[in-house]
Protein backbone atom coordinates (compact mmCIF):
# COMPACT_ATOMS: atom_id res chain seq x y z
CA MET A 1 0.04 23.70 17.47
CA HIS A 2 2.15 22.85 20.40
CA PRO A 3 5.66 23.15 20.01
CA SER A 4 5.66 18.71 20.82
CA GLY A 5 3.17 18.20 17.76
CA LEU A 6 5.77 20.29 15.37
CA ARG A 7 8.16 17.98 16.34
CA ARG A 8 6.84 15.77 15.86
CA VAL A 9 5.34 16.41 12.03
CA THR A 10 9.23 17.00 11.65
CA GLU A 11 10.33 13.15 13.01
CA ARG A 12 8.46 11.77 10.64
CA ARG A 13 8.99 13.66 7.95
CA VAL A 14 13.19 12.84 8.11
CA ALA A 15 12.13 9.30 9.27
CA HIS A 16 9.76 9.25 5.43
CA LEU A 17 13.66 10.76 3.57
CA LEU A 18 15.08 7.65 5.20
CA LEU A 19 12.83 5.51 3.88
CA ARG A 20 12.95 6.20 0.65
CA SER A 21 16.98 6.71 0.60
CA ALA A 22 19.96 3.73 2.11
CA SER A 23 21.34 6.49 3.92
CA LEU A 24 21.70 10.72 4.02
CA SER A 25 23.72 13.35 6.07
CA ARG A 26 23.05 15.08 7.23
CA VAL A 27 23.39 18.52 5.08
CA GLN A 28 21.21 16.23 3.22
CA LEU A 29 18.31 15.97 5.30
CA ALA A 30 18.73 20.18 6.31
CA ARG A 31 18.36 20.77 2.41
CA GLN A 32 15.45 18.03 1.82
CA THR A 33 13.33 19.69 4.49
CA GLY A 34 14.25 23.42 4.69
CA LEU A 35 15.60 23.39 7.91
CA SER A 36 18.91 23.96 9.22
CA VAL A 37 21.49 21.76 9.83
CA ALA A 38 22.00 22.48 13.24
CA ALA A 39 17.43 21.06 14.05
CA VAL A 40 17.81 19.04 11.51
CA GLY A 41 21.27 17.34 14.37
CA LYS A 42 18.52 17.63 17.30
CA ILE A 43 16.56 15.46 15.37
CA THR A 44 18.75 12.73 14.40
CA VAL A 45 20.12 13.04 18.14
CA SER A 46 16.36 12.34 19.24
CA LEU A 47 15.71 9.73 16.88
CA LEU A 48 18.97 7.90 17.32
CA GLY A 49 17.55 7.79 21.44
CA ALA A 50 14.72 5.91 20.10
CA GLY A 51 16.38 3.45 18.43
CA VAL A 52 14.71 4.17 15.17
CA VAL A 53 17.50 5.65 13.09
CA GLU A 54 21.18 4.33 13.01
CA ARG A 55 24.18 5.92 11.92
CA ILE A 56 25.31 4.04 8.75
CA ALA A 57 28.87 3.17 8.28
CA GLY A 58 30.92 4.35 5.19
CA GLY A 59 28.44 6.00 3.08
CA PRO A 60 28.76 7.77 -0.41
CA THR A 61 32.05 8.11 -1.57
CA ARG A 62 33.24 11.34 -3.13
CA PRO A 63 36.48 11.33 -4.63
CA GLY A 64 39.29 13.54 -4.35
CA PRO A 65 40.39 15.21 -1.07
CA MET A 66 38.37 16.11 2.36
CA LEU A 67 38.52 19.45 3.96
CA GLY A 68 37.52 19.11 8.08
CA ARG A 69 35.81 15.79 9.65
CA PRO A 70 33.74 13.49 7.40
CA ALA A 71 30.38 14.10 6.90
CA GLU A 72 28.10 11.48 9.65
CA TYR A 73 25.36 9.68 6.66
CA PHE A 74 22.00 7.90 9.10
CA GLY A 75 19.64 5.60 7.78
CA LEU A 76 16.45 4.01 9.56
CA ALA A 77 17.01 1.58 11.74
CA ARG A 78 17.95 -2.43 10.08
CA ARG A 79 19.27 -4.67 12.52
CA ARG A 80 17.41 -6.44 14.02
CA PRO A 81 13.51 -7.04 13.25
CA ARG A 82 10.94 -4.56 15.33
CA HIS A 83 7.40 -5.39 13.36
CA VAL A 84 5.15 -8.31 12.47
CA VAL A 85 3.63 -8.33 9.28
CA VAL A 86 0.48 -10.47 8.95
CA GLU A 87 -0.58 -10.01 5.12
CA LEU A 88 -3.64 -12.31 5.18
CA GLY A 89 -4.68 -12.92 0.97
CA VAL A 90 -7.96 -14.56 -0.76
CA ASN A 91 -5.14 -17.79 -1.44
CA LYS A 92 -2.14 -17.12 0.83
CA THR A 93 -0.88 -15.39 4.49
CA GLN A 94 2.44 -15.00 4.36
CA VAL A 95 4.16 -13.54 7.56
CA ALA A 96 7.17 -11.19 8.19
CA ALA A 97 9.69 -10.23 10.49
CA LEU A 98 10.98 -6.40 9.60
CA PRO A 99 12.59 -3.70 10.50
CA VAL A 100 12.19 -0.42 11.39
CA ALA A 101 14.23 0.23 7.79
CA GLY A 102 10.93 -1.64 5.65
CA PRO A 103 12.41 -4.82 3.44
CA VAL A 104 15.63 -4.38 3.80
CA GLY A 105 18.37 -7.24 3.76
CA ASP A 106 17.63 -10.34 5.14
CA ILE A 107 13.92 -10.87 5.90
CA ARG A 108 12.65 -13.34 7.46
CA THR A 109 9.93 -15.39 5.90
CA ALA A 110 6.50 -17.71 6.29
CA GLY A 111 3.31 -18.68 4.93
CA PHE A 112 0.79 -20.49 4.95
CA SER A 113 -2.60 -21.37 2.59
CA THR A 114 -5.42 -18.92 3.87
CA THR A 115 -8.13 -20.98 5.66
CA GLN A 116 -11.61 -21.13 5.42
CA ASN A 117 -11.75 -21.21 9.26
CA LEU A 118 -10.48 -18.44 12.06
CA ASP A 119 -9.24 -21.86 14.61
CA GLU A 120 -7.17 -23.29 11.51
CA PHE A 121 -5.86 -19.71 10.75
CA GLU A 122 -5.21 -18.82 14.16
CA ARG A 123 -3.43 -22.00 14.99
CA ARG A 124 -1.09 -21.87 11.17
CA LEU A 125 -0.01 -17.83 12.29
CA THR A 126 0.88 -19.01 15.90
CA ASN A 127 3.04 -21.44 14.51
CA GLY A 128 4.48 -19.31 11.51
CA VAL A 129 5.18 -16.42 13.73
CA ALA A 130 7.47 -18.72 16.24
CA THR A 131 9.28 -19.18 12.87
CA LEU A 132 10.58 -15.62 13.14
CA ASN A 133 12.30 -16.12 16.25
CA ILE A 134 10.93 -12.08 16.96
CA ALA A 135 11.77 -10.68 20.97
CA ARG A 136 9.01 -7.95 21.84
CA PRO A 137 7.80 -6.63 18.20
CA LEU A 138 7.42 -3.09 18.20
CA ALA A 139 3.48 -3.41 16.64
CA VAL A 140 1.72 -5.94 14.33
CA LEU A 141 1.37 -4.81 10.68
CA VAL A 142 -2.16 -6.31 9.19
CA SER A 143 -3.49 -5.99 5.75
CA VAL A 144 -6.11 -7.31 4.63
CA PRO A 145 -8.28 -7.39 2.22
CA GLY A 146 -11.95 -5.85 2.23
CA ILE A 147 -14.05 -3.21 3.42
CA VAL A 148 -12.29 -3.20 6.90
CA ASP A 149 -12.63 0.20 9.61
CA GLU A 150 -9.03 0.86 10.42
CA SER A 151 -9.28 2.49 13.44
CA GLU A 152 -12.33 0.84 15.26
CA ARG A 153 -10.00 -2.94 13.87
CA ARG A 154 -12.90 -4.40 11.91
CA VAL A 155 -13.85 -5.94 8.80
CA LEU A 156 -17.13 -4.83 7.73
CA TYR A 157 -17.75 -6.94 4.15
CA SER A 158 -15.19 -9.08 2.48
CA PRO A 159 -16.42 -11.21 -0.33
CA ASN A 160 -13.95 -13.74 -0.14
CA LEU A 161 -13.44 -14.06 2.95
CA HIS A 162 -16.28 -13.81 4.47
CA TRP A 163 -15.44 -15.91 7.72
CA THR A 164 -12.76 -12.31 8.59
CA GLU A 165 -16.30 -10.28 8.68
CA GLY A 166 -15.80 -9.03 12.16
CA THR A 167 -13.54 -8.28 15.00
CA ARG A 168 -12.46 -11.80 15.68
CA LEU A 169 -10.19 -12.11 13.03
CA PHE A 170 -8.39 -9.51 15.17
CA GLU A 171 -8.41 -10.86 17.69
CA ALA A 172 -7.60 -14.08 16.77
CA ILE A 173 -4.08 -11.99 15.65
CA ALA A 174 -4.25 -10.24 18.76
CA ARG A 175 -3.72 -13.63 20.92
CA ALA A 176 -1.20 -15.14 18.47
CA ILE A 177 1.16 -11.49 18.89
CA ASP A 178 1.78 -9.78 22.42
CA ALA A 179 2.07 -6.06 19.78
CA PRO A 180 -0.33 -3.17 19.63
CA LEU A 181 -1.70 -3.72 16.07
CA VAL A 182 -1.68 -1.37 12.78
CA VAL A 183 -4.15 -2.38 10.04
CA VAL A 184 -4.44 -1.15 6.62
CA GLN A 185 -6.96 -2.31 3.90
CA GLU A 186 -4.32 -4.32 1.26
CA ILE A 187 -4.96 -1.59 -1.15
CA ARG A 188 -4.57 1.36 0.96
CA ALA A 189 -0.94 -0.37 1.87
CA LEU A 190 -0.18 -0.86 -1.26
CA ALA A 191 -0.74 2.66 -2.01
CA LEU A 192 1.39 4.18 0.52
CA GLY A 193 4.46 1.84 -1.02
CA TYR A 194 3.78 4.21 -3.83
CA LEU A 195 3.66 6.69 -1.83
CA VAL A 196 7.82 6.14 -0.40
CA HIS A 197 9.33 6.83 -3.48
CA ALA A 198 6.80 9.97 -4.89
CA GLU A 199 7.40 13.04 -4.64
CA PRO A 200 6.02 14.29 -1.24
CA ARG A 201 3.37 15.82 -2.22
CA ASP A 202 2.06 13.57 -4.73
CA SER A 203 -1.60 13.11 -5.89
CA PHE A 204 -3.25 10.08 -7.74
CA LEU A 205 -5.49 7.31 -7.91
CA TRP A 206 -4.47 3.88 -7.09
CA VAL A 207 -6.04 1.25 -9.06
CA ASP A 208 -4.90 -2.44 -8.05
CA ILE A 209 -6.63 -4.93 -10.59
CA GLY A 210 -5.88 -8.52 -9.23
CA ASP A 211 -8.55 -11.12 -6.64
CA GLY A 212 -11.15 -8.05 -6.64
CA VAL A 213 -10.76 -4.17 -8.59
CA GLY A 214 -9.25 -1.79 -6.06
CA GLY A 215 -9.16 1.53 -5.24
CA ALA A 216 -6.94 4.80 -3.13
CA LEU A 217 -7.03 8.04 -3.50
CA VAL A 218 -3.36 10.36 -2.36
CA ILE A 219 -3.87 14.29 -1.93
CA ASP A 220 -1.30 15.62 -1.60
CA GLY A 221 0.64 13.20 -0.15
CA ARG A 222 -1.82 11.80 2.50
CA LEU A 223 -3.85 8.94 2.04
CA GLN A 224 -7.69 9.77 2.10
CA SER A 225 -9.98 8.41 3.89
CA GLY A 226 -14.01 8.76 4.68
CA THR A 227 -16.08 9.59 7.54
CA LEU A 228 -17.53 5.97 6.50
CA PRO A 229 -15.09 3.09 6.47
CA PHE A 230 -14.22 2.99 2.55
CA ALA A 231 -13.03 5.25 -0.05
CA CYS A 232 -12.27 4.08 -3.70
CA GLU A 233 -14.43 0.82 -3.66
CA ILE A 234 -13.83 1.13 -7.81
CA GLY A 235 -14.90 -2.25 -8.42
CA HIS A 236 -17.91 -2.07 -6.63
CA THR A 237 -19.70 0.62 -9.46
CA PRO A 238 -22.09 -0.90 -11.74
CA VAL A 239 -21.48 -1.59 -15.72
CA SER A 240 -24.39 -0.94 -17.69
CA GLY A 241 -25.35 -3.91 -19.30
CA ASN A 242 -23.67 -6.41 -16.88
CA ARG A 243 -25.27 -9.03 -15.45
CA ARG A 244 -22.70 -10.70 -13.91
CA ALA A 245 -23.82 -11.45 -9.79
CA CYS A 246 -20.96 -10.22 -7.97
CA GLY A 247 -19.35 -11.45 -3.98
CA CYS A 248 -20.78 -7.66 -2.39
CA GLY A 249 -24.90 -8.76 -3.65
CA GLY A 250 -24.69 -5.92 -6.04
CA VAL A 251 -24.68 -6.94 -9.64
CA GLY A 252 -22.77 -5.92 -12.50
CA CYS A 253 -20.11 -4.47 -10.94
CA LEU A 254 -16.38 -3.92 -12.44
CA GLU A 255 -14.48 -6.90 -10.64
CA THR A 256 -17.11 -9.07 -12.04
CA LEU A 257 -15.46 -8.32 -15.01
CA LEU A 258 -11.93 -7.03 -14.65
CA GLY A 259 -10.90 -8.86 -11.70
CA ARG A 260 -9.55 -12.71 -12.14
CA LYS A 261 -11.53 -14.69 -11.98
CA GLY A 262 -13.65 -12.11 -14.24
CA LEU A 263 -11.40 -12.18 -17.31
CA LEU A 264 -10.62 -16.16 -16.78
CA ARG A 265 -15.09 -16.28 -17.53
CA SER A 266 -14.84 -13.81 -20.41
CA ALA A 267 -11.66 -15.80 -21.84
CA GLN A 268 -13.83 -18.92 -21.60
CA ARG A 269 -16.72 -17.00 -23.19
CA ASN A 270 -14.93 -16.12 -26.28
CA GLY A 271 -13.87 -18.92 -27.27
CA ARG A 272 -10.10 -19.36 -24.86
CA LYS A 273 -9.00 -22.04 -23.73
CA SER A 274 -7.41 -20.93 -20.52
CA ARG A 275 -8.01 -23.05 -17.47
CA GLY A 276 -6.12 -20.61 -14.87
CA TRP A 277 -5.02 -17.29 -14.89
CA GLY A 278 -1.25 -17.93 -15.28
CA ARG A 279 -1.97 -19.76 -18.47
CA LEU A 280 -4.55 -16.69 -19.75
CA VAL A 281 -1.61 -14.61 -18.07
CA SER A 282 1.05 -15.98 -20.59
CA GLU A 283 -1.41 -16.28 -23.70
CA LEU A 284 -2.42 -12.24 -23.69
CA ALA A 285 1.82 -11.05 -22.99
CA GLY A 286 2.95 -9.95 -26.33
CA LYS A 287 0.22 -9.78 -28.39
CA PRO A 288 -3.23 -7.73 -30.02
CA LEU A 289 -5.52 -7.77 -27.40
CA PRO A 290 -9.06 -9.69 -27.89
CA ALA A 291 -11.88 -7.42 -28.65
CA TRP A 292 -13.52 -8.56 -24.78
CA LEU A 293 -11.00 -7.43 -23.22
CA ARG A 294 -10.62 -4.01 -25.15
CA ALA A 295 -14.19 -3.89 -24.42
CA THR A 296 -13.93 -4.36 -20.74
CA LEU A 297 -11.05 -2.35 -20.18
CA ALA A 298 -13.55 0.76 -21.72
CA GLU A 299 -15.52 0.12 -19.13
CA ALA A 300 -12.73 0.55 -16.46
CA GLY A 301 -11.46 3.51 -18.14
CA ARG A 302 -15.64 4.63 -17.59
CA VAL A 303 -15.45 3.76 -14.47
CA ILE A 304 -11.83 5.59 -13.47
CA ALA A 305 -12.36 8.62 -15.04
CA GLY A 306 -15.73 9.17 -12.88
CA ALA A 307 -13.69 9.00 -9.48
CA ILE A 308 -11.18 10.93 -10.78
CA ASN A 309 -14.24 13.26 -12.45
CA THR A 310 -14.75 13.34 -8.62
CA ALA A 311 -11.30 13.53 -6.51
CA GLY A 312 -10.12 15.67 -8.76
CA VAL A 313 -6.53 14.88 -9.75
CA SER A 314 -5.15 14.09 -13.01
CA LYS A 315 -2.52 10.80 -12.38
CA VAL A 316 -3.95 7.32 -12.06
CA VAL A 317 -1.38 4.06 -10.98
CA VAL A 318 -2.23 0.96 -11.40
CA SER A 319 -0.79 -2.46 -10.17
CA GLY A 320 -1.58 -6.35 -11.17
CA ASP A 321 0.32 -9.33 -13.12
CA LEU A 322 -1.55 -8.67 -15.79
CA LEU A 323 0.27 -5.66 -16.38
CA GLU A 324 3.19 -6.87 -16.22
CA ARG A 325 2.90 -9.11 -18.79
CA SER A 326 0.81 -7.45 -21.21
CA PRO A 327 2.22 -3.56 -21.01
CA GLU A 328 -0.39 -3.05 -24.56
CA VAL A 329 -2.99 -3.05 -21.36
CA ILE A 330 -2.24 -0.04 -19.72
CA GLU A 331 -1.66 1.81 -23.42
CA HIS A 332 -5.52 0.91 -24.34
CA LEU A 333 -6.04 1.98 -20.22
CA ALA A 334 -4.96 5.00 -20.00
CA LYS A 335 -6.32 5.84 -23.43
CA SER A 336 -9.51 5.38 -22.18
CA ILE A 337 -9.72 7.37 -19.54
CA ASN A 338 -8.35 10.28 -21.89
CA ALA A 339 -11.21 9.78 -23.54
CA LEU A 340 -13.74 9.96 -21.01
CA ALA A 341 -12.50 12.53 -18.23
CA LEU A 342 -12.86 15.59 -17.98
CA TRP A 343 -9.27 17.08 -17.38
CA GLY A 344 -8.33 15.00 -20.95
CA ARG A 345 -10.08 18.23 -22.21
CA PHE A 346 -7.84 20.46 -21.30
CA GLY A 347 -4.68 18.76 -20.57
CA SER A 348 -3.88 14.32 -19.84
CA VAL A 349 -4.33 12.89 -17.99
CA ARG A 350 -1.33 10.42 -16.64
CA VAL A 351 -1.84 6.72 -16.46
CA GLU A 352 1.34 4.56 -14.73
CA SER A 353 1.47 1.16 -14.28
CA ALA A 354 3.11 0.40 -11.02
CA PRO A 355 4.98 -2.66 -8.58
CA ARG A 356 3.26 -3.57 -5.73
CA GLU A 357 4.99 -3.14 -2.92
CA ARG A 358 2.87 -3.88 0.23
CA LEU A 359 5.54 -4.07 2.95
CA LEU A 360 7.28 -1.22 1.83
CA GLY A 361 3.63 0.67 2.63
CA LEU A 362 3.21 -1.47 5.74
CA ALA A 363 6.67 0.18 7.29
CA ARG A 364 5.74 3.59 6.51
CA ALA A 365 1.94 2.88 7.99
CA ALA A 366 4.28 1.63 11.33
CA LEU A 367 6.20 4.97 11.21
CA ASP A 368 3.21 6.59 10.95
CA ARG A 369 0.89 5.44 13.68
CA VAL A 370 3.08 3.02 16.19
CA VAL A 371 7.24 4.64 15.38
CA LEU A 372 6.07 8.55 15.42
CA ALA A 373 2.36 7.76 16.75
CA PRO A 374 0.41 11.40 16.43
CA THR A 375 1.24 13.43 19.35
CA ALA A 376 -2.07 14.55 21.62
CA ALA A 377 -1.79 18.44 20.10
CA GLU A 378 -1.91 16.62 16.44
CA GLU A 379 -4.99 14.20 17.30
CA ALA A 380 -6.74 17.52 18.88
CA ILE A 381 -6.59 19.98 15.71
CA GLY A 382 -7.55 16.11 13.44
CA LEU A 383 -4.33 14.95 12.50
CA GLY A 384 -4.32 11.23 13.87
CA ASN A 385 -4.50 8.68 11.62
CA ARG A 386 -6.99 9.52 9.44
CA GLY A 387 -5.47 10.97 6.13
CA THR A 388 -2.23 9.23 6.77
CA GLY A 389 0.64 8.86 4.92
């Protein structure tokens, strides 16, 4: 690779380390990157000059006398907002102003109910962004549900928000906010948020249980993309014997059982009086799982086991508000996955729950795609935005 490409890769590695740490010294950065202190010094000077990194006053204190000059500590820039975030949800849209360092300190936010037409959405978005009071943002970071072509900035299909399909949503956002647009499918943003704190070369399948059931695949520390503009759509894998119609036009998809609406429907069919999601979650908390939910988790384990058999990973990370209130859900799901996955016969599939950190994931995407965007040399050998992370 051309030296400019190697330098950018190294800058991005340093920035990733600083994204997960409040502050690090040159010696600490050298130790964690395997570079010399002198090389790290040149990189930090370059990033300081570009406004990506700031000197952090104080740093960790150590008891006893210190020899020589005190160490300088560095962190990603956090003194002023540089990015506008638009998190488009099925029910609510959130806008926020983020510094390069991501969600740290007091974050300016505004929110509004997600509309059912584009014109009203653009009006509410424009008003919401105005309250953030951010001048000349570096980028607009947009997370959206559905099947999304991130590079072409196009929603191919969104079962819950059909009006977002096509390119007009992103054209409206571009009119409301004048800055380069970074589009990340919402589940992929969650996986990037987890990756900030994970081991640098971690591999896992991310599964999110919410309005639908979504997935993302990380291998060797890189978020994977296929030749088609979607991957790990495990929520749309048909479950044998399930006759429920899905918003995708199919019948029997997993998310018609495991998504919020599907779980509520199953609960009501099995005698529960719950009329709302929060009520159902509260009723399930701290109690043995009902038979209908155990059966649903068994089917989910079957689908997830098939996915990791194909991907060749031995770790599954699951997010969703049901898991936070009922830990027995993750235990039952892990048991099902290990019973059905091939790796469960040779070792153990690690299954864990994790919080949703979408803002952090979007901050990492901004580093990789805008702040420290791939050089022409990286693009030439296929190390651009595909597989970012």
